[in-house]
Amino acid sequence: MRRRLLGTALSAVVVLLALTVPTIARRHNYYSNENSNAGSEDLQITVYPHELSVREGREARFECRARTSDGSTFPQTRWTKVGGPLPKHAHESGAELFIPSTNVNDRGRYACIAVLNGRSVEAYATLDVQSYGPQTFSNALPAGPSHGCMADERACGSNECVKSDYVCDGERDCRDGSDEENCPAKRHCEPNEFRCNNDRCVQKMWLCDGDDDCGDRSDEQNCKERKPGELCQPTEFQCADKRQCVPRSFQCDGTNDCRDGSDEVGCVQPTVVQPPDSNRIVRQGDQFKLTCRAVAVPDPYINWRLNWGPVCEPPRCQQHSEGGVGTLTVNNAQPMDQGAYTCEAINVKGRVLATPDCIVRIVNIPAPPPPTAPPAQSCRSGEYNSPQQSKGCLNCFCFGVSNQCQSSNWYRTKEKLYFAEGHSDGVVLTDIEKRPVSEQFEYTVPEHLTNTESHPEIRYWQLPQRFLGDKVSAYGGDLSIQLQYAGSGPISPEPLIVLKGNGITLVHRPRDQERTFQPHQPVRVQFETYENNFEHLSGQPAQRSDLMMVLADLDTFLIRATHTDDQTSTR
């Protein structure tokens, strides 16, 4: 019987910012920047899932992906097991580690390693394998949850005990089936899985393949009908002699089912030949479509992920895959739909992720305000006036090319972080040098990312890719954040905001923090992105040229997460 994959979910924090741009978000990212001159060659590596718990005999899959921070290079990766060799029955295919039939000896930590220019970075995944099957106890013992079963077990209707984890998992473990009675209506399926009518989860590539994978045949419903003159059903594979049909699930399964053996010819894992667009800007409320094409034998199923999680549910989001061509249609686009869309091509021989991701940004473009700027002659040569600000005339800054400029008609849009259960929208916890220190997040408050671990060093929330890059238009805009912490002691003097770009580091230190920062209370900080609100780490005031150079190529955006020495939580 085919088995579904189990994964884990992440969490999130709410931060509001007046900066715009595309995003990349991944779960469990690890970074390596041992060489300070590496620049865009800093390595980022992702494993999915980070933790996996399966029953003995089921399959386990881990995926690993490495790239440079600018997305220009994707180094090769390899898998090892911490403390020993990989299991002999494990298959390593590029970025994927596949264990087809797990046993308890496969438990442990697995490391994915990527190497670039002599530098390496590792990411870890943990596999837990649970012994399978009910344990029958003596008939002399009374049946029931309080007699004969261990603390982590549940009693069946007859003299059996099963692990509590097996209750309501979609499979009958008690002989009387009582472990699957009175279960919740909905269960979580992975983005590349289909939810059956009986709430089981099966791989999407198994839809309409002639096999009843769900157990209620719901994965074989709504399939295409055979056209007049065609020999085989759409759920079948037509052998090369055009005289025999076999279920599609039999193609490339390692056994010759066609008399001529053609169902096992040319089998190969997918190759993406047409990835989706790398960037897309969509007006809020509009419809957008993404297309991806891959080739393989059998034809791959094209699945879509948003920030490595699922896309929105039908009917607002519709996925269609046929002949290796996949289309995602998103109707009535909303801010929660923005982020990194990944095309995933899957067949029985393996799976591959298209690169690059498509970065979708949802914007709500307001009507331009009427011009209120004074006549150009009211500013001296080398100065300009911004109609949206009341600062009067500002000095031109053209990166040393010229000192003559005028007001532009560019506009700003407000950029926010959106969080759903299991997704941090690309936010990670690091130190001031962007070295990850933790990703153990909790959802104690809806739409907030909470961390309760104790760390001796100052920690920062690192914002995702869409807040970086060319941010010159953010000059003079509003930057607003909302934080909350629990703890006691004096407020940390370390910078609250850290911006880095073009080799320059600027920080923002709020005034009167001892009064505005109070434990257990929301702390809102808002200021305009002018140079007078920033300084260098040394305390030297920032010049306008400093801030403009940083915003021209912003590569780091950090928000302080540690506010006191005796802090117990931060969000």
Protein backbone atom coordinates (compact mmCIF):
# COMPACT_ATOMS: atom_id res chain seq x y z
CA MET A 1 0.00 0.00 0.00
CA ARG A 2 1.30 3.45 -0.78
CA ARG A 3 2.05 5.66 2.16
CA ARG A 4 1.70 9.36 2.74
CA LEU A 5 4.42 11.67 4.04
CA LEU A 6 4.18 13.37 7.41
CA GLY A 7 5.73 16.81 7.90
CA THR A 8 6.04 19.53 10.51
CA ALA A 9 4.93 23.14 10.44
CA LEU A 10 6.51 26.43 11.44
CA SER A 11 5.30 29.65 12.99
CA ALA A 12 5.36 33.47 12.60
CA VAL A 13 5.65 37.13 13.85
CA VAL A 14 3.72 40.26 12.74
CA VAL A 15 5.80 43.16 11.44
CA LEU A 16 4.45 46.07 9.40
CA LEU A 17 6.84 47.87 7.08
CA ALA A 18 6.64 50.58 4.46
CA LEU A 19 9.11 48.86 2.16
CA THR A 20 8.28 47.06 -1.06
CA VAL A 21 9.54 44.12 -3.14
CA PRO A 22 9.59 40.40 -3.99
CA THR A 23 10.09 37.57 -1.45
CA ILE A 24 11.61 34.22 -0.93
CA ALA A 25 10.59 32.19 2.05
CA ARG A 26 11.81 28.82 3.05
CA ARG A 27 11.50 26.58 6.09
CA HIS A 28 14.58 25.75 8.12
CA ASN A 29 17.14 27.81 6.24
CA TYR A 30 20.82 27.59 7.24
CA TYR A 31 23.48 30.08 6.20
CA SER A 32 27.24 30.09 5.80
CA ASN A 33 29.26 33.27 5.32
CA GLU A 34 32.64 32.29 6.69
CA ASN A 35 34.37 34.57 4.19
CA SER A 36 33.30 38.15 4.71
CA ASN A 37 34.23 38.89 1.10
CA ALA A 38 31.98 36.15 -0.24
CA GLY A 39 29.20 38.62 -0.95
CA SER A 40 26.54 37.04 -3.08
CA GLU A 41 28.16 33.61 -2.61
CA ASP A 42 26.78 33.20 0.95
CA LEU A 43 25.21 29.74 1.04
CA GLN A 44 21.64 29.11 2.11
CA ILE A 45 20.42 25.54 2.57
CA THR A 46 16.93 24.22 3.23
CA VAL A 47 15.66 20.83 4.39
CA TYR A 48 12.08 19.64 4.28
CA PRO A 49 10.59 18.33 6.41
CA HIS A 50 12.74 19.25 9.39
CA GLU A 51 11.25 16.42 11.45
CA LEU A 52 9.42 13.31 10.27
CA SER A 53 7.67 10.63 12.28
CA VAL A 54 6.54 7.46 10.49
CA ARG A 55 5.42 3.99 11.42
CA GLU A 56 7.76 1.08 10.73
CA GLY A 57 7.44 -0.15 7.15
CA ARG A 58 6.38 3.22 5.75
CA GLU A 59 8.47 5.33 3.43
CA ALA A 60 10.37 8.45 4.43
CA ARG A 61 11.48 11.29 2.18
CA PHE A 62 13.63 14.31 2.88
CA GLU A 63 14.41 17.06 0.41
CA CYS A 64 17.35 19.43 0.48
CA ARG A 65 17.99 22.56 -1.54
CA ALA A 66 21.04 24.83 -1.52
CA ARG A 67 21.65 28.12 -3.27
CA THR A 68 23.65 31.31 -2.98
CA SER A 69 21.88 34.23 -1.34
CA ASP A 70 21.38 35.95 -4.69
CA GLY A 71 19.91 32.82 -6.27
CA SER A 72 22.56 32.65 -9.01
CA THR A 73 24.13 29.30 -8.09
CA PHE A 74 22.63 26.01 -6.89
CA PRO A 75 25.44 23.81 -5.49
CA GLN A 76 25.17 20.02 -5.44
CA THR A 77 24.12 18.43 -2.15
CA ARG A 78 24.69 15.04 -0.52
CA TRP A 79 23.13 13.25 2.46
CA THR A 80 24.80 11.51 5.42
CA LYS A 81 23.53 10.06 8.67
CA VAL A 82 24.92 11.55 11.86
CA GLY A 83 26.92 8.94 13.75
CA GLY A 84 26.91 6.29 11.05
CA PRO A 85 26.40 5.40 7.40
CA LEU A 86 23.18 5.84 5.47
CA PRO A 87 20.87 2.82 5.65
CA LYS A 88 21.71 0.29 2.93
CA HIS A 89 18.14 0.43 1.60
CA ALA A 90 18.15 4.25 1.41
CA HIS A 91 18.26 5.94 -2.00
CA GLU A 92 20.03 9.25 -2.51
CA SER A 93 18.99 11.01 -5.70
CA GLY A 94 20.43 14.51 -5.94
CA ALA A 95 18.63 16.62 -3.37
CA GLU A 96 16.31 13.83 -2.18
CA LEU A 97 16.86 11.15 0.43
CA PHE A 98 14.34 8.31 0.11
CA ILE A 99 13.96 5.38 2.51
CA PRO A 100 11.32 3.10 0.94
CA SER A 101 10.59 0.84 3.92
CA THR A 102 11.73 2.20 7.26
CA ASN A 103 12.68 0.20 10.33
CA VAL A 104 13.51 1.29 13.87
CA ASN A 105 17.26 1.23 13.07
CA ASP A 106 16.71 4.13 10.65
CA ARG A 107 15.91 6.51 13.51
CA GLY A 108 18.29 9.42 13.96
CA ARG A 109 19.54 12.68 12.49
CA TYR A 110 20.41 13.07 8.82
CA ALA A 111 22.62 15.83 7.46
CA CYS A 112 22.42 17.48 4.05
CA ILE A 113 25.75 19.00 3.03
CA ALA A 114 26.42 21.58 0.30
CA VAL A 115 29.88 22.79 -0.74
CA LEU A 116 30.78 25.89 -2.77
CA ASN A 117 34.29 27.21 -3.35
CA GLY A 118 35.67 25.21 -0.46
CA ARG A 119 33.01 26.39 2.02
CA SER A 120 30.35 24.04 3.30
CA VAL A 121 27.02 24.38 5.10
CA GLU A 122 24.90 21.67 6.67
CA ALA A 123 21.21 21.31 7.49
CA TYR A 124 19.69 18.57 9.62
CA ALA A 125 16.53 16.48 9.56
CA THR A 126 15.32 14.10 12.25
CA LEU A 127 13.58 10.79 11.53
CA ASP A 128 11.59 8.92 14.15
CA VAL A 129 10.36 5.41 13.31
CA GLN A 130 7.66 3.92 15.53
CA SER A 131 7.13 0.18 15.94
CA TYR A 132 4.08 -0.99 14.02
CA GLY A 133 0.95 -2.79 15.08
CA PRO A 134 -1.34 -3.36 18.06
CA GLN A 135 -0.17 -5.28 21.12
CA THR A 136 -2.65 -7.89 22.37
CA PHE A 137 -2.76 -8.24 26.16
CA SER A 138 -3.94 -11.07 28.33
CA ASN A 139 -7.64 -11.91 28.26
CA ALA A 140 -7.47 -11.97 32.06
CA LEU A 141 -7.03 -8.18 32.06
CA PRO A 142 -10.17 -6.04 31.77
CA ALA A 143 -10.47 -4.18 28.49
CA GLY A 144 -10.52 -0.38 28.58
CA PRO A 145 -8.25 2.67 28.65
CA SER A 146 -7.42 2.32 32.32
CA HIS A 147 -6.34 -1.36 32.30
CA GLY A 148 -3.60 -3.15 30.39
CA CYS A 149 -2.41 -0.25 28.20
CA MET A 150 0.66 1.90 28.63
CA ALA A 151 0.42 5.66 29.25
CA ASP A 152 1.08 6.42 25.57
CA GLU A 153 -1.45 3.85 24.32
CA ARG A 154 -5.20 3.67 23.77
CA ALA A 155 -7.47 0.67 24.27
CA CYS A 156 -9.43 -0.77 21.37
CA GLY A 157 -12.95 -2.14 21.73
CA SER A 158 -11.46 -5.62 22.08
CA ASN A 159 -8.39 -6.77 24.02
CA GLU A 160 -5.84 -4.70 22.12
CA CYS A 161 -3.70 -1.61 22.69
CA VAL A 162 -2.44 0.75 20.00
CA LYS A 163 -0.14 3.75 20.18
CA SER A 164 -2.01 6.99 20.75
CA ASP A 165 -0.32 8.40 17.63
CA TYR A 166 -2.12 5.75 15.54
CA VAL A 167 -5.59 6.97 16.57
CA CYS A 168 -7.41 8.86 13.79
CA ASP A 169 -4.50 8.53 11.35
CA GLY A 170 -6.70 7.23 8.54
CA GLU A 171 -5.78 3.55 8.89
CA ARG A 172 -7.44 0.80 10.94
CA ASP A 173 -5.01 -0.51 13.56
CA CYS A 174 -7.55 -1.96 15.99
CA ARG A 175 -9.11 -5.12 14.58
CA ASP A 176 -12.56 -3.65 15.30
CA GLY A 177 -11.64 -0.32 13.71
CA SER A 178 -12.46 1.64 16.86
CA ASP A 179 -9.25 3.71 16.54
CA GLU A 180 -10.79 5.42 13.48
CA GLU A 181 -14.19 6.21 15.01
CA ASN A 182 -15.35 9.69 16.15
CA CYS A 183 -12.36 11.35 14.49
CA PRO A 184 -12.14 15.03 13.43
CA ALA A 185 -13.44 15.71 9.95
CA LYS A 186 -10.26 17.30 8.60
CA ARG A 187 -6.62 16.26 8.64
CA HIS A 188 -3.56 18.00 7.30
CA CYS A 189 -2.22 16.95 3.89
CA GLU A 190 1.10 18.04 2.43
CA PRO A 191 1.07 20.45 -0.55
CA ASN A 192 1.82 17.59 -2.99
CA GLU A 193 -0.89 15.36 -1.51
CA PHE A 194 -4.59 14.96 -2.32
CA ARG A 195 -7.19 14.79 0.42
CA CYS A 196 -9.48 11.80 -0.12
CA ASN A 197 -13.15 11.86 0.79
CA ASN A 198 -12.30 9.65 3.76
CA ASP A 199 -9.64 12.20 4.84
CA ARG A 200 -6.68 10.07 3.86
CA CYS A 201 -3.81 11.82 2.08
CA VAL A 202 -2.31 10.34 -1.10
CA GLN A 203 0.23 11.64 -3.60
CA LYS A 204 -1.29 13.86 -6.28
CA MET A 205 0.63 11.99 -8.96
CA TRP A 206 -1.52 8.94 -8.11
CA LEU A 207 -4.74 10.67 -9.20
CA CYS A 208 -6.55 8.91 -12.05
CA ASP A 209 -3.87 6.20 -12.38
CA GLY A 210 -6.26 3.25 -12.17
CA ASP A 211 -5.34 2.36 -8.56
CA ASP A 212 -7.67 2.93 -5.60
CA ASP A 213 -5.10 4.61 -3.36
CA CYS A 214 -7.65 6.37 -1.17
CA GLY A 215 -9.57 3.22 -0.37
CA ASP A 216 -12.86 4.91 -1.32
CA ARG A 217 -11.92 5.48 -4.99
CA SER A 218 -12.18 9.27 -4.56
CA ASP A 219 -8.74 9.60 -6.21
CA GLU A 220 -10.21 7.91 -9.30
CA GLN A 221 -13.24 10.20 -9.61
CA ASN A 222 -13.67 13.12 -12.05
CA CYS A 223 -11.18 11.55 -14.44
CA LYS A 224 -11.27 12.11 -18.20
CA GLU A 225 -13.47 9.85 -20.31
CA ARG A 226 -12.19 7.66 -23.13
CA LYS A 227 -12.72 9.27 -26.53
CA PRO A 228 -14.33 7.37 -29.42
CA GLY A 229 -11.79 5.22 -31.23
CA GLU A 230 -9.30 5.13 -28.36
CA LEU A 231 -8.20 1.71 -27.12
CA CYS A 232 -7.36 2.58 -23.52
CA GLN A 233 -9.01 4.53 -20.75
CA PRO A 234 -7.32 7.78 -19.64
CA THR A 235 -6.40 5.92 -16.43
CA GLU A 236 -4.48 3.32 -18.46
CA PHE A 237 -1.17 3.09 -20.28
CA GLN A 238 -1.28 1.90 -23.88
CA CYS A 239 1.46 -0.59 -24.67
CA ALA A 240 3.61 0.02 -27.74
CA ASP A 241 1.97 -2.82 -29.70
CA LYS A 242 -1.35 -0.92 -29.37
CA ARG A 243 -3.06 -4.16 -28.42
CA GLN A 244 -2.84 -4.05 -24.64
CA CYS A 245 -3.73 -1.60 -21.86
CA VAL A 246 -2.39 -1.66 -18.30
CA PRO A 247 -3.17 0.68 -15.37
CA ARG A 248 -1.09 3.85 -15.47
CA SER A 249 0.23 2.97 -12.02
CA PHE A 250 1.99 -0.03 -13.60
CA GLN A 251 4.17 2.16 -15.84
CA CYS A 252 7.79 2.30 -14.64
CA ASP A 253 7.10 0.20 -11.53
CA GLY A 254 10.00 -2.17 -12.24
CA THR A 255 7.84 -5.00 -13.62
CA ASN A 256 7.03 -5.73 -17.27
CA ASP A 257 3.24 -5.64 -17.44
CA CYS A 258 2.99 -5.09 -21.20
CA ARG A 259 3.77 -8.21 -23.21
CA ASP A 260 6.31 -6.17 -25.19
CA GLY A 261 7.80 -4.61 -22.04
CA SER A 262 7.11 -1.09 -23.29
CA ASP A 263 5.72 0.04 -19.89
CA GLU A 264 9.29 -0.09 -18.52
CA VAL A 265 11.07 1.67 -21.42
CA GLY A 266 12.64 5.13 -21.10
CA CYS A 267 11.73 5.68 -17.45
CA VAL A 268 13.39 8.84 -16.12
CA GLN A 269 12.78 11.41 -13.41
CA PRO A 270 11.46 14.88 -14.39
CA THR A 271 13.45 17.71 -15.90
CA VAL A 272 11.94 21.19 -15.87
CA VAL A 273 12.24 22.74 -19.34
CA GLN A 274 10.07 25.81 -18.81
CA PRO A 275 10.01 27.27 -15.29
CA PRO A 276 7.48 29.95 -14.32
CA ASP A 277 8.28 33.66 -14.61
CA SER A 278 10.76 34.77 -11.95
CA ASN A 279 8.77 37.85 -10.90
CA ARG A 280 5.15 38.95 -11.08
CA ILE A 281 3.42 42.07 -9.73
CA VAL A 282 -0.36 41.67 -9.39
CA ARG A 283 -3.02 44.18 -8.41
CA GLN A 284 -5.08 43.13 -5.42
CA GLY A 285 -8.32 41.51 -6.59
CA ASP A 286 -6.97 40.55 -10.02
CA GLN A 287 -6.41 37.06 -11.39
CA PHE A 288 -2.96 35.68 -12.21
CA LYS A 289 -1.74 32.44 -13.79
CA LEU A 290 1.59 30.63 -13.50
CA THR A 291 2.73 27.92 -15.93
CA CYS A 292 5.49 25.34 -15.66
CA ARG A 293 6.50 22.51 -18.02
CA ALA A 294 8.62 19.43 -17.38
CA VAL A 295 9.49 16.30 -19.36
CA ALA A 296 9.85 12.77 -18.01
CA VAL A 297 8.64 9.20 -18.40
CA PRO A 298 5.99 8.78 -17.08
CA ASP A 299 4.61 12.27 -17.63
CA PRO A 300 5.26 14.25 -14.44
CA TYR A 301 2.57 15.78 -12.28
CA ILE A 302 3.12 19.53 -11.76
CA ASN A 303 2.41 20.66 -8.21
CA TRP A 304 2.62 24.19 -6.79
CA ARG A 305 3.83 25.44 -3.42
CA LEU A 306 3.66 28.91 -1.87
CA ASN A 307 6.52 29.69 0.53
CA TRP A 308 7.03 25.90 0.62
CA GLY A 309 3.50 25.43 1.97
CA PRO A 310 0.17 24.95 0.19
CA VAL A 311 -1.45 27.47 -2.13
CA CYS A 312 -4.98 28.67 -1.39
CA GLU A 313 -7.88 26.23 -1.59
CA PRO A 314 -10.25 25.78 -4.54
CA PRO A 315 -12.21 27.37 -6.03
CA ARG A 316 -10.08 30.52 -5.57
CA CYS A 317 -6.93 28.60 -6.50
CA GLN A 318 -7.10 26.01 -9.28
CA GLN A 319 -4.27 23.63 -10.22
CA HIS A 320 -4.24 21.71 -13.50
CA SER A 321 -1.58 19.29 -14.72
CA GLU A 322 -1.62 17.32 -17.96
CA GLY A 323 1.16 15.99 -20.16
CA GLY A 324 3.85 17.59 -18.00
CA VAL A 325 2.35 21.08 -18.26
CA GLY A 326 1.02 22.57 -15.04
CA THR A 327 -1.02 25.73 -14.58
CA LEU A 328 -1.90 27.51 -11.34
CA THR A 329 -4.74 30.03 -11.49
CA VAL A 330 -5.29 32.35 -8.53
CA ASN A 331 -8.50 34.37 -8.53
CA ASN A 332 -9.16 37.52 -6.50
CA ALA A 333 -5.50 37.86 -5.47
CA GLN A 334 -5.00 38.94 -1.86
CA PRO A 335 -1.91 39.94 0.17
CA MET A 336 -1.79 36.42 1.66
CA ASP A 337 -1.11 35.13 -1.88
CA GLN A 338 2.21 36.92 -2.23
CA GLY A 339 5.51 35.17 -1.83
CA ALA A 340 7.65 32.54 -3.54
CA TYR A 341 5.78 30.09 -5.79
CA THR A 342 7.64 26.84 -6.46
CA CYS A 343 6.91 24.50 -9.37
CA GLU A 344 7.39 20.88 -8.28
CA ALA A 345 7.51 18.16 -10.96
CA ILE A 346 6.89 14.61 -9.66
CA ASN A 347 6.73 11.11 -11.05
CA VAL A 348 7.53 7.62 -9.73
CA LYS A 349 11.24 8.05 -10.58
CA GLY A 350 11.72 11.20 -8.51
CA ARG A 351 10.89 14.84 -8.18
CA VAL A 352 12.56 18.14 -9.02
CA LEU A 353 11.95 21.78 -8.10
CA ALA A 354 12.05 24.43 -10.82
CA THR A 355 14.51 27.28 -10.38
CA PRO A 356 14.10 30.09 -9.85
CA ASP A 357 10.90 30.47 -7.87
CA CYS A 358 8.32 32.94 -9.10
CA ILE A 359 8.17 35.88 -6.70
CA VAL A 360 4.64 37.30 -6.66
CA ARG A 361 3.91 40.66 -5.06
CA ILE A 362 0.33 41.82 -4.52
CA VAL A 363 -0.04 45.60 -4.64
CA ASN A 364 -2.90 47.95 -4.01
CA ILE A 365 -1.99 50.97 -6.10
CA PRO A 366 -3.78 54.13 -4.93
CA ALA A 367 -4.66 56.99 -7.21
CA PRO A 368 -1.78 59.48 -7.37
CA PRO A 369 -2.31 62.56 -5.16
CA PRO A 370 -2.67 65.95 -6.82
CA PRO A 371 0.66 67.76 -7.21
CA THR A 372 1.28 70.15 -4.33
CA ALA A 373 4.96 70.83 -4.76
CA PRO A 374 6.07 74.44 -5.07
CA PRO A 375 7.38 75.61 -8.43
CA ALA A 376 10.75 74.18 -9.37
CA GLN A 377 12.34 77.60 -9.08
CA SER A 378 11.57 77.63 -5.32
CA CYS A 379 14.42 75.10 -4.82
CA ARG A 380 18.00 75.99 -5.62
CA SER A 381 20.10 74.12 -8.17
CA GLY A 382 21.12 70.75 -6.73
CA GLU A 383 17.94 70.48 -4.66
CA TYR A 384 14.45 69.10 -5.18
CA ASN A 385 11.10 69.05 -3.40
CA SER A 386 9.02 65.94 -2.57
CA PRO A 387 5.26 66.64 -2.72
CA GLN A 388 4.54 63.87 -0.21
CA GLN A 389 6.83 65.29 2.48
CA SER A 390 6.99 68.56 4.37
CA LYS A 391 10.78 68.67 4.62
CA GLY A 392 11.06 71.46 2.07
CA CYS A 393 13.92 71.24 -0.39
CA LEU A 394 16.23 68.23 -0.20
CA ASN A 395 19.73 67.84 -1.59
CA CYS A 396 19.96 65.76 -4.76
CA PHE A 397 21.82 62.48 -4.47
CA CYS A 398 22.72 60.73 -7.72
CA PHE A 399 25.51 58.39 -6.52
CA GLY A 400 28.15 60.91 -7.61
CA VAL A 401 27.01 61.02 -11.24
CA SER A 402 25.30 64.41 -11.03
CA ASN A 403 23.88 66.90 -8.55
CA GLN A 404 20.92 67.91 -10.72
CA CYS A 405 17.56 66.16 -10.12
CA GLN A 406 13.83 66.69 -9.89
CA SER A 407 10.89 65.06 -8.11
CA SER A 408 9.83 61.73 -9.57
CA ASN A 409 6.35 60.29 -9.97
CA TRP A 410 7.27 57.07 -8.18
CA TYR A 411 4.94 55.89 -5.44
CA ARG A 412 5.31 53.70 -2.38
CA THR A 413 3.14 50.78 -1.30
CA LYS A 414 2.92 49.38 2.21
CA GLU A 415 4.55 45.99 2.58
CA LYS A 416 3.48 43.62 5.36
CA LEU A 417 4.36 40.17 6.61
CA TYR A 418 1.47 37.71 6.57
CA PHE A 419 1.43 34.62 8.71
CA ALA A 420 -0.66 31.48 8.56
CA GLU A 421 -0.20 28.51 10.84
CA GLY A 422 2.99 26.72 9.94
CA HIS A 423 4.60 29.52 7.92
CA SER A 424 6.97 32.22 9.17
CA ASP A 425 6.89 34.04 5.80
CA GLY A 426 10.68 33.72 5.60
CA VAL A 427 11.46 35.33 8.96
CA VAL A 428 14.30 33.62 10.86
CA LEU A 429 16.03 34.29 14.19
CA THR A 430 19.75 35.20 13.93
CA ASP A 431 22.48 37.21 15.58
CA ILE A 432 23.60 40.55 14.21
CA GLU A 433 25.91 38.78 11.72
CA LYS A 434 22.94 36.79 10.30
CA ARG A 435 24.08 33.50 11.85
CA PRO A 436 20.93 31.47 12.64
CA VAL A 437 20.50 30.82 16.37
CA SER A 438 17.06 29.18 16.50
CA GLU A 439 13.94 28.34 14.58
CA GLN A 440 11.97 26.87 17.50
CA PHE A 441 8.83 28.98 17.19
CA GLU A 442 5.50 28.76 18.99
CA TYR A 443 1.99 29.96 18.14
CA THR A 444 0.94 31.19 21.56
CA VAL A 445 -0.65 34.30 20.04
CA PRO A 446 -2.49 34.16 16.70
CA GLU A 447 -0.52 35.69 13.79
CA HIS A 448 2.55 36.20 15.98
CA LEU A 449 5.85 34.35 15.98
CA THR A 450 6.97 33.53 19.53
CA ASN A 451 10.33 32.26 20.75
CA THR A 452 10.79 31.21 24.36
CA GLU A 453 14.34 29.86 24.29
CA SER A 454 17.08 31.35 26.43
CA HIS A 455 20.10 32.71 24.56
CA PRO A 456 23.10 34.55 26.02
CA GLU A 457 23.60 36.61 22.85
CA ILE A 458 21.41 39.34 21.38
CA ARG A 459 19.01 37.88 18.80
CA TYR A 460 17.41 39.56 15.79
CA TRP A 461 14.45 38.82 13.54
CA GLN A 462 15.85 38.64 10.00
CA LEU A 463 13.36 39.76 7.34
CA PRO A 464 12.95 37.82 4.07
CA GLN A 465 14.17 38.58 0.58
CA ARG A 466 11.25 40.73 -0.52
CA PHE A 467 12.34 43.46 1.94
CA LEU A 468 15.80 43.60 0.37
CA GLY A 469 17.33 44.81 -2.88
CA ASP A 470 16.82 48.24 -4.45
CA LYS A 471 14.92 50.26 -1.81
CA VAL A 472 15.78 53.80 -2.85
CA SER A 473 12.08 54.64 -3.10
CA ALA A 474 11.74 53.83 0.63
CA TYR A 475 13.70 56.98 1.47
CA GLY A 476 11.37 59.28 3.39
CA GLY A 477 8.75 56.57 3.88
CA ASP A 478 7.38 55.29 7.18
CA LEU A 479 8.86 52.26 8.93
CA SER A 480 6.54 50.75 11.52
CA ILE A 481 7.01 47.63 13.66
CA GLN A 482 5.11 46.07 16.56
CA LEU A 483 6.88 43.88 19.11
CA GLN A 484 6.18 42.29 22.47
CA TYR A 485 8.34 40.57 25.08
CA ALA A 486 8.22 39.09 28.57
CA GLY A 487 11.00 39.48 31.11
CA SER A 488 12.63 41.89 33.52
CA GLY A 489 15.71 44.02 33.77
CA PRO A 490 17.04 47.08 31.93
CA ILE A 491 16.36 47.48 28.22
CA SER A 492 19.20 46.43 25.92
CA PRO A 493 21.25 49.30 24.45
CA GLU A 494 21.82 47.30 21.26
CA PRO A 495 20.31 48.69 18.02
CA LEU A 496 16.61 48.02 17.44
CA ILE A 497 16.90 48.20 13.62
CA VAL A 498 19.96 47.17 11.57
CA LEU A 499 20.23 47.92 7.84
CA LYS A 500 23.20 46.79 5.73
CA GLY A 501 24.03 47.45 2.11
CA ASN A 502 26.99 48.33 -0.13
CA GLY A 503 29.35 47.58 2.76
CA ILE A 504 27.67 50.15 5.05
CA THR A 505 25.84 49.35 8.29
CA LEU A 506 23.30 51.80 9.73
CA VAL A 507 21.27 51.32 12.89
CA HIS A 508 18.28 52.90 14.61
CA ARG A 509 18.19 53.30 18.41
CA PRO A 510 14.85 54.59 19.73
CA ARG A 511 14.95 57.35 22.28
CA ASP A 512 13.54 56.79 25.77
CA GLN A 513 13.37 52.97 25.45
CA GLU A 514 13.05 52.52 29.24
CA ARG A 515 9.67 54.27 29.07
CA THR A 516 8.29 52.91 25.79
CA PHE A 517 9.41 49.27 26.22
CA GLN A 518 7.27 47.58 28.87
CA PRO A 519 7.02 43.77 29.32
CA HIS A 520 3.79 42.00 28.32
CA GLN A 521 2.65 45.09 26.42
CA PRO A 522 2.68 45.66 22.63
CA VAL A 523 5.51 48.01 21.68
CA ARG A 524 4.93 50.02 18.52
CA VAL A 525 7.85 51.88 16.96
CA GLN A 526 7.35 54.13 13.94
CA PHE A 527 9.67 56.64 12.29
CA GLU A 528 10.49 58.12 8.90
CA THR A 529 13.38 56.68 6.91
CA TYR A 530 15.47 59.83 6.90
CA GLU A 531 19.16 59.93 7.77
CA ASN A 532 18.54 61.81 11.03
CA ASN A 533 16.90 58.62 12.41
CA PHE A 534 19.97 56.46 11.73
CA GLU A 535 23.58 56.29 12.86
CA HIS A 536 26.62 54.10 12.31
CA LEU A 537 27.44 51.33 14.79
CA SER A 538 30.09 53.65 16.20
CA GLY A 539 27.42 56.22 17.06
CA GLN A 540 28.47 58.64 14.31
CA PRO A 541 25.40 60.29 12.72
CA ALA A 542 24.43 58.98 9.30
CA GLN A 543 24.65 61.21 6.25
CA ARG A 544 22.06 61.21 3.49
CA SER A 545 24.59 59.61 1.13
CA ASP A 546 25.10 56.78 3.64
CA LEU A 547 21.39 55.95 3.84
CA MET A 548 20.91 56.19 0.08
CA MET A 549 23.84 53.85 -0.56
CA VAL A 550 22.41 51.32 1.90
CA LEU A 551 18.92 51.53 0.36
CA ALA A 552 20.32 51.20 -3.16
CA ASP A 553 21.32 47.58 -2.46
CA LEU A 554 19.88 46.54 0.90
CA ASP A 555 21.15 43.04 1.76
CA THR A 556 20.27 42.80 5.48
CA PHE A 557 17.23 43.95 7.47
CA LEU A 558 17.25 42.99 11.16
CA ILE A 559 14.85 43.81 14.02
CA ARG A 560 15.99 43.24 17.58
CA ALA A 561 14.30 40.28 19.30
CA THR A 562 16.21 40.40 22.63
CA HIS A 563 15.21 43.39 24.75
CA THR A 564 16.31 42.42 28.31
CA ASP A 565 18.89 40.10 29.88
CA ASP A 566 16.22 38.12 31.74
CA GLN A 567 13.84 37.76 28.80
CA THR A 568 11.55 34.71 28.78
CA SER A 569 9.76 35.20 25.46
CA THR A 570 9.79 37.45 22.41
CA ARG A 571 7.40 37.96 19.53
